[in-house]
Structures are given as C-alpha cells and as structure tokens.
Amino acid sequence: MQQSNRIHSLDSLRGIAALIVLFHHCLLMTPLFHAAHYNEPYDNGWVTAFTNTILHTFWAGSEAVLLFFILSGFVLAIPFIHAKPFSYPKYMIKRFCRIYIPYISVMTIAVLLMIIFADYKGHSGLIPSFSERRWAHPISWEAVISYLLMLGYDNTNVDGPTWSLVHEMRISFFFPFLMLLVLKLSWKKAIVFGFALSMSLSAGLAAVNTFVENPMYQDIVNSFKDTFFYTTFFIIGAVFAKYYKKVIPAFTNIPAFIKILLFILALVLFNIDEVFKVLQKDFGILSMPIKAGGDWVASIGVLIIFLFAIDSTRVKDLLTKRVFLWLGKVSYSLYLTHMVVLITLMYTLGKIIPYYYVLVIVPFLSIAVAAVTHTYIEKPAQKLGNYLTSKKKQKLVITPKQSIISKNP
C-alpha cells in the first residue's frame, strides 16, 4: 500500500494481534489455560471468565491470526482498488522479500537453536502437548525441504506460528486473480463465488487426502487444503477494502451509546468460537463445519473492529500512540520469533527455575528479539524488495569524504 493510503491505526492493530498470539502461547503453557483452551476438565472461575467471555480477546490467538489474514487481504487490495500500475513480477518479488526472507531466516536460526539445545527427551516440568510438539524430534531432510519450499510439513516442531505464513505466501501467488473477481462483481457475488470456489477446492483436497497413506504427504495435502479455506478471509478483507469508504459515513452517524454496544458485539463475535467448543466436543463429526462457521462469524467481528480503528476518534487516538505504532512495525518479527524465544527458554532456563517465572520473562525478551529481527532482517529484506523493483537501480559510491551515498547510474 502506498504511504498516502496507509491507515496507521490498522498497523497498530496488527501489532496488538501479534501480542495476543504471544500471550496465547504463553498461557497455553499453564495447565489451567491449556485445559480451558482444549475443552478439558478444570475448575477455576477466573480462567473460565478469561475463556468464555469477551476477556478471551486478550489471548485469542486463533482469532488474531484470522485478523492477520483479513488485514492482509485489505492491504493487498488497496493498490488494485486505486488502479495503481501493476506488475506481477514486481509484486511477487516484494512479497517474497517481505514474507519469505524473514521467514526462512528465523526458521534457520530456530533450527540451529534446536540442534544446540534440544535433547528430544521432553521436559518433565512442561505440559505434555508442548514437549510432544515443540522440538520433539530431530529434523529430517524431508522437513528441511518442506521448510524451504513452504510445504507446511513439520513446521510445528521448529516454529509453530510459521504455519500461517505458508498460507500467506501461497495466497499471495494468486491474490491478483482474486482481485479480478472482487473488482468486477458486487460484494455479495464476490463473497458467494469466492467462498464457493475456495471451499470446493478445499473439500476436493480433503477428499484426495483420504487416499493418501504417507503421513508426510497427508500433512502437505492438508496444508494446501487449509490454504484454500483461509483464502476466504483474504477475500473478506479485499471486499471490505472496496466498500469500507461507503460504510464509514453511516458508521460515523451512529450514536455513541449504540457504538459502545456495537463494539461489545464485535468482541462477542470475535470470540464466538468458544461457544462452539461444547458442540465440537459433543458432536465431533460436525467439528469442521462448526469451526468454519465460527471463523466466519469471527470475521464479522474483525470487520467491525476495523471500522472503529479507521473512523472512531478515540480508538484512532489510542492506536496511533507511539508505542502501538512501534508495535505495529515490529509485529511480523514478533509473530515470527516469539515461539522460538519461548521454546528456547523453556528448554534451557526452564530446567533451572519454575516455568511460570520463565513465562514472565518470555514477553519482554520476545519484544526485544523482535526489535532486533525487525532491524537486521525484516527491514533489509523490505529494502531489497524495493531495490529489485525500483525503476532506477541505486548503486553505492564513495565520496572523497568517504561517506556512502546513493546515486542513479
């Protein structure tokens, strides 16, 4: 998106979402929140309040990822809506540098840390689901190929959150073609046709997977199936980008009291998946359609939150404070690295001090690591993308005063 069209409050919202994912993974390390999240028996009123009410927003990790997908669709759609000159090669080079280079850099660092610190014997002080999924087994060559090609196999073992980046990168390849759909059709037709196409492809791959016997290939096919499912949220974001300016005037004129109720409704919808957990437990056969329905309902909550971030003076003033703007800038790095920080500390420091002390350290260290990653990996990758797609390539020359400046050839 061009700077003139950039909505900084939405950048801050992305940063808050990354922080929510961080809190989500930290809280899942505790037996009570782990039981609450996976609908297992537990007895604690406070945890229930933070799970089955809008307070769940503070650690709604899955919902925060949906927000990422919808926001990506929104941001990627803006240049098309404003009829900016488009070059598919330049677009893909920028997306590659923006997503893949930081991704593969952090994955490489995570693999090295895993080789140094993992003993693959679990950790007696941690919940089983952590020690059985994070650095749980040595890395195979098949896994390395999967990491490099973003095939979606074995990412959880090294850096779990990267699963969403696999989908983000794949969807980037065909997103410009989705925009042809969004631009030519009404919002209703674009949503219906786009959803039907995405879900048909997803269901088709699910059917194919029933004939696949190799577990690795099953994971890969399932990953591509999920890509088409998550495409629907990019479509939602793109359609919102096309029509949000028409919605804003009506939203602006809503009375303040009604806006408060609307914001509460947005949070309820955002956390609606918690309502479906009982149904998923009692009617397992319906788990997939219920999950899909919950995610789509949550997306309505996300769009309402976007309206507040774009048009509400109080919300914009809050989101454009320096701390939130900075958090937005490092959000991708924070999302990429926080699990690596968490796993590394749990398998090292966690063997010396109680795990709950480690969990207090993780958020602060994760933010610090994100700042370093943003400065030395993410920003250079973005600059590389801009350099490779610039009309006039820049070259470095040395002046007599030995200072480095840019000069057009």
Protein backbone atom coordinates (compact mmCIF):
# COMPACT_ATOMS: atom_id res chain seq x y z
CA MET A 1 0.00 0.00 0.00
CA GLN A 2 1.24 3.45 -0.76
CA GLN A 3 2.06 5.71 2.10
CA SER A 4 -0.79 8.10 1.20
CA ASN A 5 -3.30 5.28 1.55
CA ARG A 6 -1.79 3.74 4.64
CA ILE A 7 -4.03 3.52 7.70
CA HIS A 8 -1.63 3.57 10.63
CA SER A 9 -4.25 2.54 13.17
CA LEU A 10 -4.62 -0.78 11.33
CA ASP A 11 -0.86 -1.27 11.51
CA SER A 12 -1.12 -0.85 15.27
CA LEU A 13 -3.99 -3.33 15.32
CA ARG A 14 -1.70 -5.86 13.68
CA GLY A 15 0.85 -5.26 16.44
CA ILE A 16 -1.76 -5.83 19.14
CA ALA A 17 -2.83 -9.03 17.38
CA ALA A 18 0.79 -10.28 17.38
CA LEU A 19 0.95 -9.55 21.11
CA ILE A 20 -2.28 -11.50 21.62
CA VAL A 21 -0.74 -14.51 19.86
CA LEU A 22 2.28 -14.21 22.16
CA PHE A 23 0.04 -14.19 25.25
CA HIS A 24 -1.92 -17.10 23.81
CA HIS A 25 1.14 -19.32 23.55
CA CYS A 26 2.44 -18.30 26.97
CA LEU A 27 -0.87 -19.01 28.70
CA LEU A 28 -1.17 -22.37 26.95
CA MET A 29 1.93 -23.37 28.89
CA THR A 30 -0.12 -23.31 32.10
CA PRO A 31 -2.26 -26.38 32.91
CA LEU A 32 -5.42 -24.35 33.64
CA PHE A 33 -5.47 -22.28 30.46
CA HIS A 34 -4.38 -25.30 28.44
CA ALA A 35 -7.35 -27.28 29.78
CA ALA A 36 -9.71 -24.38 29.12
CA HIS A 37 -8.49 -23.93 25.55
CA TYR A 38 -8.79 -27.61 24.68
CA ASN A 39 -12.11 -28.05 26.48
CA GLU A 40 -10.69 -30.37 29.13
CA PRO A 41 -11.95 -30.57 32.73
CA TYR A 42 -10.78 -27.82 35.09
CA ASP A 43 -12.17 -25.84 37.99
CA ASN A 44 -11.27 -22.16 38.15
CA GLY A 45 -13.72 -19.28 37.86
CA TRP A 46 -11.13 -16.74 36.74
CA VAL A 47 -9.90 -18.94 33.92
CA THR A 48 -13.50 -19.54 32.86
CA ALA A 49 -14.06 -15.77 32.75
CA PHE A 50 -10.97 -15.31 30.59
CA THR A 51 -12.04 -18.13 28.29
CA ASN A 52 -15.79 -17.95 27.77
CA THR A 53 -16.34 -14.18 27.79
CA ILE A 54 -15.01 -11.26 25.77
CA LEU A 55 -11.99 -11.28 28.09
CA HIS A 56 -10.82 -14.15 25.93
CA THR A 57 -9.78 -11.41 23.48
CA PHE A 58 -6.55 -10.94 25.49
CA TRP A 59 -5.35 -14.42 24.46
CA ALA A 60 -7.46 -15.17 21.37
CA GLY A 61 -4.55 -16.48 19.32
CA SER A 62 -6.50 -18.25 16.57
CA GLU A 63 -8.80 -15.28 16.11
CA ALA A 64 -5.81 -12.94 15.93
CA VAL A 65 -4.44 -14.97 13.01
CA LEU A 66 -7.78 -14.56 11.22
CA LEU A 67 -7.36 -10.82 11.74
CA PHE A 68 -3.93 -11.08 10.08
CA PHE A 69 -5.43 -12.82 7.05
CA ILE A 70 -8.29 -10.32 6.69
CA LEU A 71 -5.93 -7.38 7.12
CA SER A 72 -3.56 -8.83 4.52
CA GLY A 73 -6.46 -9.08 2.06
CA PHE A 74 -7.38 -5.48 2.85
CA VAL A 75 -3.85 -4.12 2.43
CA LEU A 76 -3.08 -6.08 -0.74
CA ALA A 77 -6.38 -4.98 -2.32
CA ILE A 78 -5.86 -1.22 -1.92
CA PRO A 79 -3.47 -0.72 -4.89
CA PHE A 80 -5.87 -2.60 -7.18
CA ILE A 81 -8.85 -0.57 -5.98
CA HIS A 82 -6.97 2.66 -6.58
CA ALA A 83 -5.94 1.39 -10.04
CA LYS A 84 -2.22 1.61 -9.31
CA PRO A 85 0.09 0.37 -12.09
CA PHE A 86 0.57 -3.34 -11.54
CA SER A 87 3.42 -5.67 -12.44
CA TYR A 88 3.06 -9.28 -11.33
CA PRO A 89 6.83 -9.96 -11.22
CA LYS A 90 7.46 -6.84 -9.12
CA TYR A 91 4.52 -7.71 -6.87
CA MET A 92 5.86 -11.23 -6.25
CA ILE A 93 9.42 -10.03 -5.68
CA LYS A 94 8.18 -7.67 -2.98
CA ARG A 95 6.00 -10.36 -1.40
CA PHE A 96 8.92 -12.81 -1.49
CA CYS A 97 11.22 -10.34 0.23
CA ARG A 98 8.50 -9.25 2.66
CA ILE A 99 7.41 -12.72 3.77
CA TYR A 100 9.85 -15.42 2.71
CA ILE A 101 13.24 -13.91 3.57
CA PRO A 102 12.37 -13.14 7.24
CA TYR A 103 10.56 -16.48 7.46
CA ILE A 104 13.45 -18.61 6.22
CA SER A 105 15.97 -16.56 8.23
CA VAL A 106 14.11 -17.14 11.50
CA MET A 107 13.50 -20.80 10.63
CA THR A 108 17.24 -21.24 10.07
CA ILE A 109 18.01 -19.66 13.44
CA ALA A 110 15.35 -21.83 15.10
CA VAL A 111 16.81 -24.98 13.55
CA LEU A 112 20.29 -24.06 14.81
CA LEU A 113 18.97 -23.40 18.32
CA MET A 114 17.10 -26.68 18.20
CA ILE A 115 20.25 -28.59 17.21
CA ILE A 116 22.18 -26.96 20.06
CA PHE A 117 19.65 -27.19 22.90
CA ALA A 118 17.10 -29.92 22.15
CA ASP A 119 17.63 -33.36 23.62
CA TYR A 120 14.29 -34.78 22.33
CA LYS A 121 13.53 -36.33 25.71
CA GLY A 122 10.74 -33.98 26.62
CA HIS A 123 10.61 -31.86 29.74
CA SER A 124 9.08 -33.22 32.91
CA GLY A 125 8.05 -29.76 34.08
CA LEU A 126 6.03 -28.89 30.97
CA ILE A 127 2.59 -29.88 29.77
CA PRO A 128 2.81 -32.95 27.51
CA SER A 129 1.31 -31.21 24.47
CA PHE A 130 4.28 -28.82 24.48
CA SER A 131 7.09 -31.33 24.88
CA GLU A 132 5.41 -33.65 22.36
CA ARG A 133 5.10 -30.96 19.66
CA ARG A 134 7.97 -28.46 20.13
CA TRP A 135 11.48 -29.65 19.32
CA ALA A 136 10.04 -33.12 19.80
CA HIS A 137 12.13 -34.98 17.22
CA PRO A 138 15.25 -34.46 15.09
CA ILE A 139 14.86 -32.64 11.79
CA SER A 140 14.71 -34.81 8.68
CA TRP A 141 15.84 -33.85 5.20
CA GLU A 142 12.21 -34.06 4.13
CA ALA A 143 11.38 -31.46 6.76
CA VAL A 144 14.20 -29.18 5.57
CA ILE A 145 12.85 -29.34 2.01
CA SER A 146 9.39 -28.58 3.37
CA TYR A 147 10.69 -25.52 5.24
CA LEU A 148 12.48 -24.25 2.14
CA LEU A 149 9.51 -24.77 -0.19
CA MET A 150 6.90 -23.82 2.42
CA LEU A 151 5.06 -27.12 2.01
CA GLY A 152 3.58 -26.98 5.52
CA TYR A 153 5.14 -30.17 6.88
CA ASP A 154 6.70 -30.29 10.37
CA ASN A 155 6.69 -26.52 10.98
CA THR A 156 5.18 -27.01 14.42
CA ASN A 157 8.25 -28.92 15.53
CA VAL A 158 10.52 -25.89 14.92
CA ASP A 159 8.45 -22.68 14.93
CA GLY A 160 4.71 -23.33 15.03
CA PRO A 161 3.36 -19.88 14.09
CA THR A 162 5.01 -20.12 10.68
CA TRP A 163 2.09 -22.31 9.53
CA SER A 164 0.12 -19.15 8.73
CA LEU A 165 3.00 -17.67 6.72
CA VAL A 166 2.92 -20.73 4.49
CA HIS A 167 -0.68 -19.86 3.61
CA GLU A 168 0.10 -16.16 3.34
CA MET A 169 2.83 -16.81 0.77
CA ARG A 170 0.76 -19.24 -1.29
CA ILE A 171 -2.29 -16.97 -1.37
CA SER A 172 -0.04 -14.11 -2.48
CA PHE A 173 0.64 -16.00 -5.73
CA PHE A 174 -2.98 -15.97 -6.88
CA PHE A 175 -4.33 -12.95 -4.97
CA PRO A 176 -4.14 -10.63 -8.02
CA PHE A 177 -6.50 -13.02 -9.83
CA LEU A 178 -8.86 -12.93 -6.85
CA MET A 179 -8.93 -9.16 -7.22
CA LEU A 180 -10.32 -9.54 -10.74
CA LEU A 181 -13.25 -11.27 -9.08
CA VAL A 182 -13.62 -8.66 -6.34
CA LEU A 183 -13.39 -5.68 -8.70
CA LYS A 184 -15.85 -6.95 -11.29
CA LEU A 185 -18.56 -8.41 -9.03
CA SER A 186 -20.77 -6.92 -6.34
CA TRP A 187 -19.76 -7.68 -2.79
CA LYS A 188 -22.44 -10.35 -2.45
CA LYS A 189 -21.45 -12.14 -5.63
CA ALA A 190 -17.74 -11.83 -4.86
CA ILE A 191 -18.24 -13.33 -1.40
CA VAL A 192 -20.52 -16.15 -2.59
CA PHE A 193 -18.48 -17.04 -5.67
CA GLY A 194 -15.15 -16.70 -3.89
CA PHE A 195 -16.28 -18.76 -0.93
CA ALA A 196 -17.80 -21.44 -3.17
CA LEU A 197 -14.60 -21.72 -5.23
CA SER A 198 -12.30 -21.78 -2.19
CA MET A 199 -14.37 -24.27 -0.22
CA SER A 200 -14.84 -26.52 -3.27
CA LEU A 201 -11.09 -26.73 -3.75
CA SER A 202 -10.60 -27.27 -0.02
CA ALA A 203 -13.18 -30.04 0.07
CA GLY A 204 -11.65 -31.61 -3.04
CA LEU A 205 -8.22 -31.81 -1.40
CA ALA A 206 -9.81 -33.21 1.76
CA ALA A 207 -11.31 -35.97 -0.37
CA VAL A 208 -7.96 -36.61 -2.06
CA ASN A 209 -6.29 -36.90 1.32
CA THR A 210 -8.46 -39.89 2.23
CA PHE A 211 -6.49 -41.88 -0.39
CA VAL A 212 -3.07 -40.72 0.81
CA GLU A 213 -1.32 -43.13 3.15
CA ASN A 214 2.05 -41.47 3.81
CA PRO A 215 1.70 -39.21 6.92
CA MET A 216 4.07 -36.59 5.50
CA TYR A 217 2.11 -36.34 2.25
CA GLN A 218 -1.11 -36.20 4.26
CA ASP A 219 0.21 -33.17 6.14
CA ILE A 220 1.22 -31.47 2.90
CA VAL A 221 -2.12 -32.09 1.19
CA ASN A 222 -3.94 -30.97 4.31
CA SER A 223 -1.85 -27.79 4.36
CA PHE A 224 -2.88 -26.94 0.78
CA LYS A 225 -6.49 -27.71 1.72
CA ASP A 226 -6.25 -25.19 4.53
CA THR A 227 -4.75 -22.63 2.15
CA PHE A 228 -7.96 -22.57 0.12
CA PHE A 229 -10.03 -22.34 3.31
CA TYR A 230 -8.04 -19.34 4.57
CA THR A 231 -8.30 -17.72 1.15
CA THR A 232 -11.86 -16.83 2.09
CA PHE A 233 -10.58 -14.41 4.73
CA PHE A 234 -8.36 -12.66 2.19
CA ILE A 235 -11.48 -12.26 0.05
CA ILE A 236 -13.33 -10.77 3.04
CA GLY A 237 -10.52 -8.27 3.55
CA ALA A 238 -10.42 -7.38 -0.14
CA VAL A 239 -14.18 -6.83 -0.34
CA PHE A 240 -14.02 -4.67 2.78
CA ALA A 241 -11.25 -2.59 1.20
CA LYS A 242 -13.50 -1.99 -1.82
CA TYR A 243 -16.55 -0.86 0.16
CA TYR A 244 -15.39 0.46 3.54
CA LYS A 245 -15.43 4.12 2.47
CA LYS A 246 -19.12 3.75 1.64
CA VAL A 247 -19.81 2.26 5.08
CA ILE A 248 -17.88 4.86 7.05
CA PRO A 249 -20.44 7.70 6.74
CA ALA A 250 -23.21 5.51 8.17
CA PHE A 251 -20.89 4.31 10.92
CA THR A 252 -19.89 7.90 11.79
CA ASN A 253 -23.50 8.92 12.38
CA ILE A 254 -24.25 6.10 14.83
CA PRO A 255 -24.95 7.46 18.36
CA ALA A 256 -22.16 6.97 20.89
CA PHE A 257 -24.21 4.59 23.07
CA ILE A 258 -25.01 2.39 20.08
CA LYS A 259 -21.31 2.38 19.15
CA ILE A 260 -20.45 1.04 22.60
CA LEU A 261 -22.96 -1.77 22.14
CA LEU A 262 -21.60 -2.39 18.64
CA PHE A 263 -18.04 -2.65 19.95
CA ILE A 264 -19.14 -5.16 22.59
CA LEU A 265 -20.94 -7.11 19.85
CA ALA A 266 -17.74 -7.10 17.80
CA LEU A 267 -15.83 -8.66 20.70
CA VAL A 268 -18.57 -11.25 21.21
CA LEU A 269 -18.45 -12.22 17.54
CA PHE A 270 -14.65 -12.20 17.59
CA ASN A 271 -14.70 -14.80 20.38
CA ILE A 272 -17.65 -16.82 19.10
CA ASP A 273 -15.55 -19.95 18.62
CA GLU A 274 -15.61 -20.52 22.38
CA VAL A 275 -19.38 -21.08 22.12
CA PHE A 276 -18.81 -23.81 19.54
CA LYS A 277 -16.39 -25.79 21.69
CA VAL A 278 -19.15 -27.64 23.50
CA LEU A 279 -20.73 -28.60 20.18
CA GLN A 280 -17.38 -29.72 18.84
CA LYS A 281 -16.87 -31.92 21.88
CA ASP A 282 -20.35 -33.47 21.83
CA PHE A 283 -20.71 -33.72 18.03
CA GLY A 284 -17.22 -34.41 16.72
CA ILE A 285 -18.47 -35.19 13.23
CA LEU A 286 -19.61 -31.57 12.90
CA SER A 287 -16.31 -30.14 14.08
CA MET A 288 -15.15 -28.95 10.64
CA PRO A 289 -18.33 -27.08 9.56
CA ILE A 290 -18.73 -25.68 13.07
CA LYS A 291 -15.14 -24.49 13.10
CA ALA A 292 -15.52 -22.92 9.66
CA GLY A 293 -18.74 -21.21 10.71
CA GLY A 294 -17.12 -19.90 13.87
CA ASP A 295 -14.21 -18.41 11.95
CA TRP A 296 -16.53 -16.66 9.50
CA VAL A 297 -18.65 -15.24 12.31
CA ALA A 298 -15.46 -14.05 13.99
CA SER A 299 -14.51 -12.28 10.76
CA ILE A 300 -17.62 -10.09 11.11
CA GLY A 301 -16.32 -9.04 14.50
CA VAL A 302 -12.93 -8.26 12.92
CA LEU A 303 -14.53 -6.01 10.29
CA ILE A 304 -16.43 -4.07 12.95
CA ILE A 305 -13.18 -3.62 14.87
CA PHE A 306 -11.61 -2.33 11.65
CA LEU A 307 -14.35 0.29 11.38
CA PHE A 308 -13.58 1.53 14.89
CA ALA A 309 -9.84 1.60 14.13
CA ILE A 310 -10.45 3.60 10.93
CA ASP A 311 -13.18 6.01 11.99
CA SER A 312 -13.52 6.22 15.78
CA THR A 313 -11.58 9.25 17.04
CA ARG A 314 -10.91 7.75 20.46
CA VAL A 315 -9.82 4.39 19.08
CA LYS A 316 -7.62 6.04 16.43
CA ASP A 317 -6.02 8.32 19.02
CA LEU A 318 -5.19 5.28 21.13
CA LEU A 319 -3.90 3.16 18.26
CA THR A 320 -1.73 5.95 16.85
CA LYS A 321 0.20 6.46 20.07
CA ARG A 322 3.90 5.89 19.57
CA VAL A 323 4.06 2.60 21.49
CA PHE A 324 1.33 0.99 19.37
CA LEU A 325 2.75 2.34 16.12
CA TRP A 326 6.11 0.84 17.04
CA LEU A 327 4.45 -2.44 17.99
CA GLY A 328 2.81 -2.45 14.57
CA LYS A 329 6.17 -2.00 12.87
CA VAL A 330 7.73 -5.00 14.63
CA SER A 331 4.55 -7.13 14.56
CA TYR A 332 5.76 -9.51 11.85
CA SER A 333 9.07 -10.09 13.61
CA LEU A 334 7.29 -10.55 16.94
CA TYR A 335 4.96 -13.11 15.40
CA LEU A 336 7.86 -14.93 13.74
CA THR A 337 10.21 -15.11 16.71
CA HIS A 338 8.17 -15.32 19.92
CA MET A 339 7.73 -19.10 19.77
CA VAL A 340 11.45 -19.58 19.19
CA VAL A 341 12.12 -17.48 22.30
CA LEU A 342 9.51 -19.41 24.26
CA ILE A 343 10.83 -22.86 23.29
CA THR A 344 14.48 -21.91 23.81
CA LEU A 345 13.85 -20.51 27.29
CA MET A 346 11.66 -23.43 28.31
CA TYR A 347 14.25 -26.00 27.30
CA THR A 348 17.13 -24.08 28.91
CA LEU A 349 16.12 -21.69 31.67
CA GLY A 350 13.01 -23.76 32.38
CA LYS A 351 15.18 -26.58 33.67
CA ILE A 352 16.66 -24.27 36.28
CA ILE A 353 13.73 -22.16 37.50
CA PRO A 354 9.95 -22.82 37.65
CA TYR A 355 8.26 -22.47 34.27
CA TYR A 356 5.93 -19.68 35.43
CA TYR A 357 8.94 -17.44 36.08
CA VAL A 358 10.10 -18.16 32.55
CA LEU A 359 6.67 -17.16 31.23
CA VAL A 360 7.09 -13.74 32.81
CA ILE A 361 10.40 -13.27 31.01
CA VAL A 362 9.23 -14.52 27.60
CA PRO A 363 7.08 -11.49 26.55
CA PHE A 364 9.80 -8.95 27.38
CA LEU A 365 12.57 -10.92 25.69
CA SER A 366 10.32 -11.65 22.70
CA ILE A 367 9.70 -7.95 22.14
CA ALA A 368 13.44 -7.25 22.38
CA VAL A 369 14.25 -10.06 19.93
CA ALA A 370 11.50 -8.78 17.60
CA ALA A 371 13.09 -5.32 17.60
CA VAL A 372 16.47 -6.80 16.62
CA THR A 373 14.91 -9.07 13.99
CA HIS A 374 12.96 -6.17 12.52
CA THR A 375 16.08 -4.01 12.28
CA TYR A 376 18.54 -6.56 10.93
CA ILE A 377 16.38 -9.00 8.95
CA GLU A 378 12.93 -7.64 8.15
CA LYS A 379 13.83 -4.07 7.14
CA PRO A 380 16.80 -5.10 4.95
CA ALA A 381 14.57 -7.68 3.25
CA GLN A 382 11.98 -4.99 2.50
CA LYS A 383 14.66 -2.64 1.20
CA LEU A 384 15.94 -5.42 -1.04
CA GLY A 385 12.43 -5.87 -2.45
CA ASN A 386 12.13 -2.14 -3.10
CA TYR A 387 15.59 -2.05 -4.70
CA LEU A 388 14.91 -5.00 -7.00
CA THR A 389 11.64 -3.47 -8.20
CA SER A 390 12.73 0.14 -8.48
CA LYS A 391 12.73 1.71 -11.94
CA LYS A 392 16.19 3.12 -11.46
CA LYS A 393 18.50 0.82 -9.59
CA GLN A 394 20.61 2.55 -6.96
CA LYS A 395 24.31 1.97 -6.64
CA LEU A 396 26.66 2.82 -3.83
CA VAL A 397 29.58 5.18 -4.41
CA ILE A 398 32.23 6.58 -2.13
CA THR A 399 32.67 10.33 -1.98
CA PRO A 400 36.03 11.94 -1.29
CA LYS A 401 34.89 12.32 2.30
CA GLN A 402 34.40 8.52 2.43
CA SER A 403 30.69 8.78 3.09
CA ILE A 404 28.34 6.39 1.33
CA ILE A 405 25.58 7.92 -0.79
CA SER A 406 23.09 6.63 -3.37
CA LYS A 407 23.46 7.66 -6.96
CA ASN A 408 21.49 6.73 -10.05
CA PRO A 409 23.56 5.03 -12.72
